[in-house]
Amino acid sequence: PFGAGSDPSNITDACYPYGSIQVPGGTEPIVLHRDAVSGGGYFMVGTVIAADMDLIGQLQPNTPVKFVKVDMKEALAARKSRSELLGRLHSALA
């Protein structure tokens, strides 16, 4: 009675991190952003790093995207770089 359904992309309820990449129905990936649900029943294939989430949010529907695997060190370096860039922009506009 509490199964995940018949679709192979369904799983038993799980928590989703901000930026998680899912492929509901196995056809087209979606990225969960700030306004997304925090749990549900689709398999997660990866997570977009924090430094790229604003870029993902600006994409128009059906824009082709290539996901690239990074390790934790690369993700943290990208987040630091993005934060420094935003700090410089903030200072320039102040």
PDB file of N, CA and C in Angstrom:
ATOM      1  N   PRO A   1       0.805  -1.229   0.000  1.00  0.00           N
ATOM      2  CA  PRO A   1       0.000   0.000   0.000  1.00  0.00           C
ATOM      3  C   PRO A   1       0.835   1.274   0.000  1.00  0.00           C
ATOM      4  N   PHE A   2       2.130   1.189   0.392  1.00  0.00           N
ATOM      5  CA  PHE A   2       2.968   2.376   0.458  1.00  0.00           C
ATOM      6  C   PHE A   2       4.125   2.298  -0.535  1.00  0.00           C
ATOM      7  N   GLY A   3       3.927   1.629  -1.652  1.00  0.00           N
ATOM      8  CA  GLY A   3       4.967   1.476  -2.654  1.00  0.00           C
ATOM      9  C   GLY A   3       5.276   2.779  -3.343  1.00  0.00           C
ATOM     10  N   ALA A   4       6.303   2.753  -4.168  1.00  0.00           N
ATOM     11  CA  ALA A   4       6.752   3.953  -4.867  1.00  0.00           C
ATOM     12  C   ALA A   4       6.102   4.105  -6.233  1.00  0.00           C
ATOM     13  N   GLY A   5       5.212   3.201  -6.612  1.00  0.00           N
ATOM     14  CA  GLY A   5       4.583   3.290  -7.919  1.00  0.00           C
ATOM     15  C   GLY A   5       5.313   2.445  -8.936  1.00  0.00           C
ATOM     16  N   SER A   6       4.753   2.353 -10.121  1.00  0.00           N
ATOM     17  CA  SER A   6       5.290   1.441 -11.125  1.00  0.00           C
ATOM     18  C   SER A   6       6.385   2.043 -11.993  1.00  0.00           C
ATOM     19  N   ASP A   7       6.539   3.381 -12.027  1.00  0.00           N
ATOM     20  CA  ASP A   7       7.558   3.995 -12.866  1.00  0.00           C
ATOM     21  C   ASP A   7       8.939   3.726 -12.284  1.00  0.00           C
ATOM     22  N   PRO A   8       9.913   3.300 -13.107  1.00  0.00           N
ATOM     23  CA  PRO A   8      11.250   2.988 -12.590  1.00  0.00           C
ATOM     24  C   PRO A   8      11.975   4.186 -11.961  1.00  0.00           C
ATOM     25  N   SER A   9      11.554   5.420 -12.286  1.00  0.00           N
ATOM     26  CA  SER A   9      12.216   6.588 -11.694  1.00  0.00           C
ATOM     27  C   SER A   9      11.705   6.892 -10.296  1.00  0.00           C
ATOM     28  N   ASN A  10      10.664   6.211  -9.861  1.00  0.00           N
ATOM     29  CA  ASN A  10      10.103   6.438  -8.530  1.00  0.00           C
ATOM     30  C   ASN A  10      10.896   5.671  -7.481  1.00  0.00           C
ATOM     31  N   ILE A  11      11.055   6.287  -6.329  1.00  0.00           N
ATOM     32  CA  ILE A  11      11.672   5.633  -5.183  1.00  0.00           C
ATOM     33  C   ILE A  11      10.777   5.877  -3.982  1.00  0.00           C
ATOM     34  N   THR A  12      11.029   5.177  -2.898  1.00  0.00           N
ATOM     35  CA  THR A  12      10.328   5.489  -1.667  1.00  0.00           C
ATOM     36  C   THR A  12      10.771   6.875  -1.239  1.00  0.00           C
ATOM     37  N   ASP A  13       9.890   7.630  -0.581  1.00  0.00           N
ATOM     38  CA  ASP A  13      10.186   9.020  -0.228  1.00  0.00           C
ATOM     39  C   ASP A  13      11.609   9.223   0.273  1.00  0.00           C
ATOM     40  N   ALA A  14      12.221  10.314  -0.190  1.00  0.00           N
ATOM     41  CA  ALA A  14      13.580  10.670   0.198  1.00  0.00           C
ATOM     42  C   ALA A  14      13.678  12.187   0.317  1.00  0.00           C
ATOM     43  N   CYS A  15      14.682  12.671   1.023  1.00  0.00           N
ATOM     44  CA  CYS A  15      14.923  14.114   1.136  1.00  0.00           C
ATOM     45  C   CYS A  15      15.768  14.573  -0.042  1.00  0.00           C
ATOM     46  N   TYR A  16      15.498  15.788  -0.527  1.00  0.00           N
ATOM     47  CA  TYR A  16      16.220  16.324  -1.666  1.00  0.00           C
ATOM     48  C   TYR A  16      17.011  17.550  -1.248  1.00  0.00           C
ATOM     49  N   PRO A  17      18.306  17.600  -1.559  1.00  0.00           N
ATOM     50  CA  PRO A  17      19.064  18.825  -1.291  1.00  0.00           C
ATOM     51  C   PRO A  17      18.749  19.873  -2.355  1.00  0.00           C
ATOM     52  N   TYR A  18      18.994  21.096  -2.007  1.00  0.00           N
ATOM     53  CA  TYR A  18      18.888  22.220  -2.933  1.00  0.00           C
ATOM     54  C   TYR A  18      19.825  21.955  -4.104  1.00  0.00           C
ATOM     55  N   GLY A  19      19.311  22.020  -5.328  1.00  0.00           N
ATOM     56  CA  GLY A  19      20.122  21.776  -6.518  1.00  0.00           C
ATOM     57  C   GLY A  19      20.095  20.347  -7.018  1.00  0.00           C
ATOM     58  N   SER A  20      19.284  19.489  -6.388  1.00  0.00           N
ATOM     59  CA  SER A  20      19.282  18.092  -6.820  1.00  0.00           C
ATOM     60  C   SER A  20      18.733  17.959  -8.236  1.00  0.00           C
ATOM     61  N   ILE A  21      19.323  17.025  -8.980  1.00  0.00           N
ATOM     62  CA  ILE A  21      18.939  16.758 -10.365  1.00  0.00           C
ATOM     63  C   ILE A  21      18.133  15.461 -10.370  1.00  0.00           C
ATOM     64  N   GLN A  22      16.922  15.531 -10.914  1.00  0.00           N
ATOM     65  CA  GLN A  22      16.057  14.364 -11.003  1.00  0.00           C
ATOM     66  C   GLN A  22      15.638  14.161 -12.452  1.00  0.00           C
ATOM     67  N   VAL A  23      15.248  12.940 -12.750  1.00  0.00           N
ATOM     68  CA  VAL A  23      14.743  12.624 -14.087  1.00  0.00           C
ATOM     69  C   VAL A  23      13.412  11.882 -13.922  1.00  0.00           C
ATOM     70  N   PRO A  24      12.341  12.621 -13.594  1.00  0.00           N
ATOM     71  CA  PRO A  24      11.049  11.955 -13.428  1.00  0.00           C
ATOM     72  C   PRO A  24      10.577  11.362 -14.748  1.00  0.00           C
ATOM     73  N   GLY A  25      10.153  10.141 -14.714  1.00  0.00           N
ATOM     74  CA  GLY A  25       9.712   9.475 -15.932  1.00  0.00           C
ATOM     75  C   GLY A  25      10.872   9.027 -16.806  1.00  0.00           C
ATOM     76  N   GLY A  26      12.110   9.334 -16.403  1.00  0.00           N
ATOM     77  CA  GLY A  26      13.285   8.897 -17.134  1.00  0.00           C
ATOM     78  C   GLY A  26      13.512   9.583 -18.460  1.00  0.00           C
ATOM     79  N   THR A  27      12.911  10.756 -18.685  1.00  0.00           N
ATOM     80  CA  THR A  27      13.035  11.383 -19.997  1.00  0.00           C
ATOM     81  C   THR A  27      13.766  12.711 -20.000  1.00  0.00           C
ATOM     82  N   GLU A  28      13.498  13.592 -19.060  1.00  0.00           N
ATOM     83  CA  GLU A  28      14.067  14.935 -19.094  1.00  0.00           C
ATOM     84  C   GLU A  28      14.458  15.366 -17.686  1.00  0.00           C
ATOM     85  N   PRO A  29      15.722  15.773 -17.476  1.00  0.00           N
ATOM     86  CA  PRO A  29      16.141  16.145 -16.125  1.00  0.00           C
ATOM     87  C   PRO A  29      15.522  17.463 -15.669  1.00  0.00           C
ATOM     88  N   ILE A  30      15.295  17.555 -14.372  1.00  0.00           N
ATOM     89  CA  ILE A  30      14.871  18.806 -13.741  1.00  0.00           C
ATOM     90  C   ILE A  30      15.826  19.075 -12.584  1.00  0.00           C
ATOM     91  N   VAL A  31      16.020  20.353 -12.262  1.00  0.00           N
ATOM     92  CA  VAL A  31      16.844  20.747 -11.130  1.00  0.00           C
ATOM     93  C   VAL A  31      15.941  21.428 -10.117  1.00  0.00           C
ATOM     94  N   LEU A  32      15.977  20.942  -8.880  1.00  0.00           N
ATOM     95  CA  LEU A  32      15.168  21.541  -7.826  1.00  0.00           C
ATOM     96  C   LEU A  32      15.873  22.780  -7.295  1.00  0.00           C
ATOM     97  N   HIS A  33      15.158  23.911  -7.349  1.00  0.00           N
ATOM     98  CA  HIS A  33      15.740  25.187  -6.919  1.00  0.00           C
ATOM     99  C   HIS A  33      15.145  25.590  -5.581  1.00  0.00           C
ATOM    100  N   ARG A  34      15.313  26.833  -5.199  1.00  0.00           N
ATOM    101  CA  ARG A  34      14.904  27.306  -3.867  1.00  0.00           C
ATOM    102  C   ARG A  34      13.428  27.095  -3.564  1.00  0.00           C
ATOM    103  N   ASP A  35      12.585  27.106  -4.568  1.00  0.00           N
ATOM    104  CA  ASP A  35      11.143  26.991  -4.337  1.00  0.00           C
ATOM    105  C   ASP A  35      10.622  25.569  -4.504  1.00  0.00           C
ATOM    106  N   ALA A  36      11.503  24.591  -4.562  1.00  0.00           N
ATOM    107  CA  ALA A  36      11.103  23.206  -4.822  1.00  0.00           C
ATOM    108  C   ALA A  36      10.724  22.485  -3.529  1.00  0.00           C
ATOM    109  N   VAL A  37      10.111  21.328  -3.712  1.00  0.00           N
ATOM    110  CA  VAL A  37       9.783  20.478  -2.573  1.00  0.00           C
ATOM    111  C   VAL A  37      11.065  19.953  -1.947  1.00  0.00           C
ATOM    112  N   SER A  38      11.012  19.569  -0.689  1.00  0.00           N
ATOM    113  CA  SER A  38      12.208  19.071  -0.007  1.00  0.00           C
ATOM    114  C   SER A  38      12.210  17.553   0.113  1.00  0.00           C
ATOM    115  N   GLY A  39      11.154  16.912  -0.360  1.00  0.00           N
ATOM    116  CA  GLY A  39      11.092  15.459  -0.290  1.00  0.00           C
ATOM    117  C   GLY A  39      10.112  14.929  -1.308  1.00  0.00           C
ATOM    118  N   GLY A  40      10.218  13.657  -1.582  1.00  0.00           N
ATOM    119  CA  GLY A  40       9.319  13.054  -2.549  1.00  0.00           C
ATOM    120  C   GLY A  40       9.807  11.694  -2.975  1.00  0.00           C
ATOM    121  N   GLY A  41       9.471  11.313  -4.190  1.00  0.00           N
ATOM    122  CA  GLY A  41       9.742   9.952  -4.602  1.00  0.00           C
ATOM    123  C   GLY A  41      10.412   9.758  -5.939  1.00  0.00           C
ATOM    124  N   TYR A  42      11.241  10.707  -6.375  1.00  0.00           N
ATOM    125  CA  TYR A  42      11.994  10.510  -7.616  1.00  0.00           C
ATOM    126  C   TYR A  42      13.466  10.290  -7.307  1.00  0.00           C
ATOM    127  N   PHE A  43      14.114   9.484  -8.108  1.00  0.00           N
ATOM    128  CA  PHE A  43      15.533   9.200  -7.971  1.00  0.00           C
ATOM    129  C   PHE A  43      16.350  10.449  -8.290  1.00  0.00           C
ATOM    130  N   MET A  44      17.394  10.718  -7.518  1.00  0.00           N
ATOM    131  CA  MET A  44      18.265  11.864  -7.728  1.00  0.00           C
ATOM    132  C   MET A  44      19.562  11.378  -8.379  1.00  0.00           C
ATOM    133  N   VAL A  45      19.937  11.972  -9.519  1.00  0.00           N
ATOM    134  CA  VAL A  45      21.131  11.535 -10.233  1.00  0.00           C
ATOM    135  C   VAL A  45      22.358  12.389  -9.934  1.00  0.00           C
ATOM    136  N   GLY A  46      22.180  13.507  -9.267  1.00  0.00           N
ATOM    137  CA  GLY A  46      23.293  14.388  -8.943  1.00  0.00           C
ATOM    138  C   GLY A  46      22.792  15.656  -8.295  1.00  0.00           C
ATOM    139  N   THR A  47      23.719  16.586  -8.062  1.00  0.00           N
ATOM    140  CA  THR A  47      23.381  17.873  -7.461  1.00  0.00           C
ATOM    141  C   THR A  47      24.191  18.968  -8.136  1.00  0.00           C
ATOM    142  N   VAL A  48      23.542  20.055  -8.506  1.00  0.00           N
ATOM    143  CA  VAL A  48      24.230  21.215  -9.077  1.00  0.00           C
ATOM    144  C   VAL A  48      24.936  21.937  -7.928  1.00  0.00           C
ATOM    145  N   ILE A  49      26.195  22.329  -8.131  1.00  0.00           N
ATOM    146  CA  ILE A  49      26.934  23.002  -7.067  1.00  0.00           C
ATOM    147  C   ILE A  49      26.348  24.392  -6.810  1.00  0.00           C
ATOM    148  N   ALA A  50      26.532  24.877  -5.588  1.00  0.00           N
ATOM    149  CA  ALA A  50      25.963  26.162  -5.175  1.00  0.00           C
ATOM    150  C   ALA A  50      26.377  27.306  -6.098  1.00  0.00           C
ATOM    151  N   ALA A  51      27.632  27.295  -6.560  1.00  0.00           N
ATOM    152  CA  ALA A  51      28.133  28.382  -7.409  1.00  0.00           C
ATOM    153  C   ALA A  51      27.377  28.488  -8.730  1.00  0.00           C
ATOM    154  N   ASP A  52      26.750  27.412  -9.168  1.00  0.00           N
ATOM    155  CA  ASP A  52      26.048  27.409 -10.461  1.00  0.00           C
ATOM    156  C   ASP A  52      24.529  27.554 -10.349  1.00  0.00           C
ATOM    157  N   MET A  53      24.000  27.597  -9.137  1.00  0.00           N
ATOM    158  CA  MET A  53      22.543  27.628  -9.001  1.00  0.00           C
ATOM    159  C   MET A  53      21.912  28.902  -9.564  1.00  0.00           C
ATOM    160  N   ASP A  54      22.564  30.061  -9.407  1.00  0.00           N
ATOM    161  CA  ASP A  54      22.007  31.287  -9.989  1.00  0.00           C
ATOM    162  C   ASP A  54      21.994  31.212 -11.509  1.00  0.00           C
ATOM    163  N   LEU A  55      23.018  30.568 -12.090  1.00  0.00           N
ATOM    164  CA  LEU A  55      23.057  30.400 -13.545  1.00  0.00           C
ATOM    165  C   LEU A  55      21.925  29.490 -14.014  1.00  0.00           C
ATOM    166  N   ILE A  56      21.695  28.405 -13.282  1.00  0.00           N
ATOM    167  CA  ILE A  56      20.599  27.487 -13.616  1.00  0.00           C
ATOM    168  C   ILE A  56      19.265  28.223 -13.556  1.00  0.00           C
ATOM    169  N   GLY A  57      19.109  29.083 -12.554  1.00  0.00           N
ATOM    170  CA  GLY A  57      17.854  29.825 -12.384  1.00  0.00           C
ATOM    171  C   GLY A  57      17.570  30.808 -13.503  1.00  0.00           C
ATOM    172  N   GLN A  58      18.585  31.214 -14.246  1.00  0.00           N
ATOM    173  CA  GLN A  58      18.410  32.185 -15.329  1.00  0.00           C
ATOM    174  C   GLN A  58      18.156  31.538 -16.691  1.00  0.00           C
ATOM    175  N   LEU A  59      18.257  30.227 -16.764  1.00  0.00           N
ATOM    176  CA  LEU A  59      18.071  29.546 -18.050  1.00  0.00           C
ATOM    177  C   LEU A  59      16.619  29.592 -18.513  1.00  0.00           C
ATOM    178  N   GLN A  60      16.434  29.732 -19.797  1.00  0.00           N
ATOM    179  CA  GLN A  60      15.100  29.653 -20.391  1.00  0.00           C
ATOM    180  C   GLN A  60      14.710  28.184 -20.532  1.00  0.00           C
ATOM    181  N   PRO A  61      13.422  27.872 -20.538  1.00  0.00           N
ATOM    182  CA  PRO A  61      13.000  26.474 -20.733  1.00  0.00           C
ATOM    183  C   PRO A  61      13.589  25.895 -22.021  1.00  0.00           C
ATOM    184  N   ASN A  62      13.911  24.627 -21.974  1.00  0.00           N
ATOM    185  CA  ASN A  62      14.434  23.861 -23.103  1.00  0.00           C
ATOM    186  C   ASN A  62      15.836  24.279 -23.553  1.00  0.00           C
ATOM    187  N   THR A  63      16.557  25.029 -22.713  1.00  0.00           N
ATOM    188  CA  THR A  63      17.939  25.374 -23.025  1.00  0.00           C
ATOM    189  C   THR A  63      18.816  24.151 -22.761  1.00  0.00           C
ATOM    190  N   PRO A  64      19.617  23.723 -23.726  1.00  0.00           N
ATOM    191  CA  PRO A  64      20.491  22.578 -23.490  1.00  0.00           C
ATOM    192  C   PRO A  64      21.509  22.885 -22.386  1.00  0.00           C
ATOM    193  N   VAL A  65      21.745  21.918 -21.531  1.00  0.00           N
ATOM    194  CA  VAL A  65      22.680  22.065 -20.412  1.00  0.00           C
ATOM    195  C   VAL A  65      23.563  20.832 -20.356  1.00  0.00           C
ATOM    196  N   LYS A  66      24.837  21.030 -20.068  1.00  0.00           N
ATOM    197  CA  LYS A  66      25.758  19.916 -19.893  1.00  0.00           C
ATOM    198  C   LYS A  66      26.187  19.896 -18.424  1.00  0.00           C
ATOM    199  N   PHE A  67      25.977  18.776 -17.761  1.00  0.00           N
ATOM    200  CA  PHE A  67      26.405  18.623 -16.377  1.00  0.00           C
ATOM    201  C   PHE A  67      27.806  18.024 -16.368  1.00  0.00           C
ATOM    202  N   VAL A  68      28.688  18.584 -15.544  1.00  0.00           N
ATOM    203  CA  VAL A  68      30.072  18.139 -15.444  1.00  0.00           C
ATOM    204  C   VAL A  68      30.337  17.713 -14.001  1.00  0.00           C
ATOM    205  N   LYS A  69      30.913  16.545 -13.851  1.00  0.00           N
ATOM    206  CA  LYS A  69      31.221  16.041 -12.516  1.00  0.00           C
ATOM    207  C   LYS A  69      32.376  16.831 -11.913  1.00  0.00           C
ATOM    208  N   VAL A  70      32.198  17.280 -10.661  1.00  0.00           N
ATOM    209  CA  VAL A  70      33.271  17.936  -9.911  1.00  0.00           C
ATOM    210  C   VAL A  70      33.376  17.279  -8.538  1.00  0.00           C
ATOM    211  N   ASP A  71      34.543  17.397  -7.925  1.00  0.00           N
ATOM    212  CA  ASP A  71      34.681  16.873  -6.575  1.00  0.00           C
ATOM    213  C   ASP A  71      34.426  18.010  -5.574  1.00  0.00           C
ATOM    214  N   MET A  72      34.461  17.674  -4.287  1.00  0.00           N
ATOM    215  CA  MET A  72      34.150  18.656  -3.252  1.00  0.00           C
ATOM    216  C   MET A  72      35.122  19.836  -3.282  1.00  0.00           C
ATOM    217  N   LYS A  73      36.400  19.564  -3.508  1.00  0.00           N
ATOM    218  CA  LYS A  73      37.402  20.634  -3.557  1.00  0.00           C
ATOM    219  C   LYS A  73      37.086  21.627  -4.674  1.00  0.00           C
ATOM    220  N   GLU A  74      36.733  21.118  -5.846  1.00  0.00           N
ATOM    221  CA  GLU A  74      36.381  21.989  -6.979  1.00  0.00           C
ATOM    222  C   GLU A  74      35.103  22.770  -6.699  1.00  0.00           C
ATOM    223  N   ALA A  75      34.133  22.137  -6.076  1.00  0.00           N
ATOM    224  CA  ALA A  75      32.869  22.810  -5.754  1.00  0.00           C
ATOM    225  C   ALA A  75      33.096  23.944  -4.762  1.00  0.00           C
ATOM    226  N   LEU A  76      33.908  23.703  -3.748  1.00  0.00           N
ATOM    227  CA  LEU A  76      34.189  24.744  -2.757  1.00  0.00           C
ATOM    228  C   LEU A  76      34.992  25.886  -3.369  1.00  0.00           C
ATOM    229  N   ALA A  77      35.925  25.588  -4.261  1.00  0.00           N
ATOM    230  CA  ALA A  77      36.698  26.629  -4.941  1.00  0.00           C
ATOM    231  C   ALA A  77      35.785  27.474  -5.828  1.00  0.00           C
ATOM    232  N   ALA A  78      34.851  26.844  -6.515  1.00  0.00           N
ATOM    233  CA  ALA A  78      33.909  27.574  -7.367  1.00  0.00           C
ATOM    234  C   ALA A  78      33.005  28.461  -6.527  1.00  0.00           C
ATOM    235  N   ARG A  79      32.565  27.955  -5.370  1.00  0.00           N
ATOM    236  CA  ARG A  79      31.717  28.764  -4.480  1.00  0.00           C
ATOM    237  C   ARG A  79      32.484  29.974  -3.963  1.00  0.00           C
ATOM    238  N   LYS A  80      33.753  29.788  -3.598  1.00  0.00           N
ATOM    239  CA  LYS A  80      34.579  30.903  -3.122  1.00  0.00           C
ATOM    240  C   LYS A  80      34.771  31.939  -4.222  1.00  0.00           C
ATOM    241  N   SER A  81      35.067  31.476  -5.424  1.00  0.00           N
ATOM    242  CA  SER A  81      35.260  32.377  -6.560  1.00  0.00           C
ATOM    243  C   SER A  81      33.992  33.174  -6.858  1.00  0.00           C
ATOM    244  N   ARG A  82      32.859  32.497  -6.835  1.00  0.00           N
ATOM    245  CA  ARG A  82      31.576  33.169  -7.100  1.00  0.00           C
ATOM    246  C   ARG A  82      31.278  34.204  -6.024  1.00  0.00           C
ATOM    247  N   SER A  83      31.557  33.860  -4.772  1.00  0.00           N
ATOM    248  CA  SER A  83      31.333  34.779  -3.661  1.00  0.00           C
ATOM    249  C   SER A  83      32.217  36.014  -3.789  1.00  0.00           C
ATOM    250  N   GLU A  84      33.476  35.817  -4.173  1.00  0.00           N
ATOM    251  CA  GLU A  84      34.386  36.952  -4.363  1.00  0.00           C
ATOM    252  C   GLU A  84      33.923  37.850  -5.495  1.00  0.00           C
ATOM    253  N   LEU A  85      33.447  37.250  -6.590  1.00  0.00           N
ATOM    254  CA  LEU A  85      32.924  38.030  -7.713  1.00  0.00           C
ATOM    255  C   LEU A  85      31.728  38.871  -7.276  1.00  0.00           C
ATOM    256  N   LEU A  86      30.814  38.261  -6.553  1.00  0.00           N
ATOM    257  CA  LEU A  86      29.639  38.999  -6.081  1.00  0.00           C
ATOM    258  C   LEU A  86      30.032  40.104  -5.110  1.00  0.00           C
ATOM    259  N   GLY A  87      31.061  39.868  -4.296  1.00  0.00           N
ATOM    260  CA  GLY A  87      31.557  40.903  -3.386  1.00  0.00           C
ATOM    261  C   GLY A  87      32.123  42.092  -4.141  1.00  0.00           C
ATOM    262  N   ARG A  88      32.879  41.816  -5.203  1.00  0.00           N
ATOM    263  CA  ARG A  88      33.434  42.904  -6.024  1.00  0.00           C
ATOM    264  C   ARG A  88      32.323  43.696  -6.711  1.00  0.00           C
ATOM    265  N   LEU A  89      31.317  43.005  -7.203  1.00  0.00           N
ATOM    266  CA  LEU A  89      30.182  43.692  -7.830  1.00  0.00           C
ATOM    267  C   LEU A  89      29.443  44.562  -6.820  1.00  0.00           C
ATOM    268  N   HIS A  90      29.255  44.035  -5.636  1.00  0.00           N
ATOM    269  CA  HIS A  90      28.574  44.789  -4.582  1.00  0.00           C
ATOM    270  C   HIS A  90      29.354  46.058  -4.246  1.00  0.00           C
ATOM    271  N   SER A  91      30.678  45.939  -4.108  1.00  0.00           N
ATOM    272  CA  SER A  91      31.525  47.091  -3.807  1.00  0.00           C
ATOM    273  C   SER A  91      31.484  48.123  -4.928  1.00  0.00           C
ATOM    274  N   ALA A  92      31.484  47.656  -6.163  1.00  0.00           N
ATOM    275  CA  ALA A  92      31.464  48.574  -7.316  1.00  0.00           C
ATOM    276  C   ALA A  92      30.152  49.341  -7.406  1.00  0.00           C
ATOM    277  N   LEU A  93      29.073  48.730  -6.949  1.00  0.00           N
ATOM    278  CA  LEU A  93      27.763  49.366  -7.042  1.00  0.00           C
ATOM    279  C   LEU A  93      27.415  50.188  -5.820  1.00  0.00           C
ATOM    280  N   ALA A  94      28.211  50.068  -4.768  1.00  0.00           N
ATOM    281  CA  ALA A  94      27.910  50.790  -3.515  1.00  0.00           C
ATOM    282  C   ALA A  94      28.352  52.239  -3.556  1.00  0.00           C
TER     283      ALA A  94
END
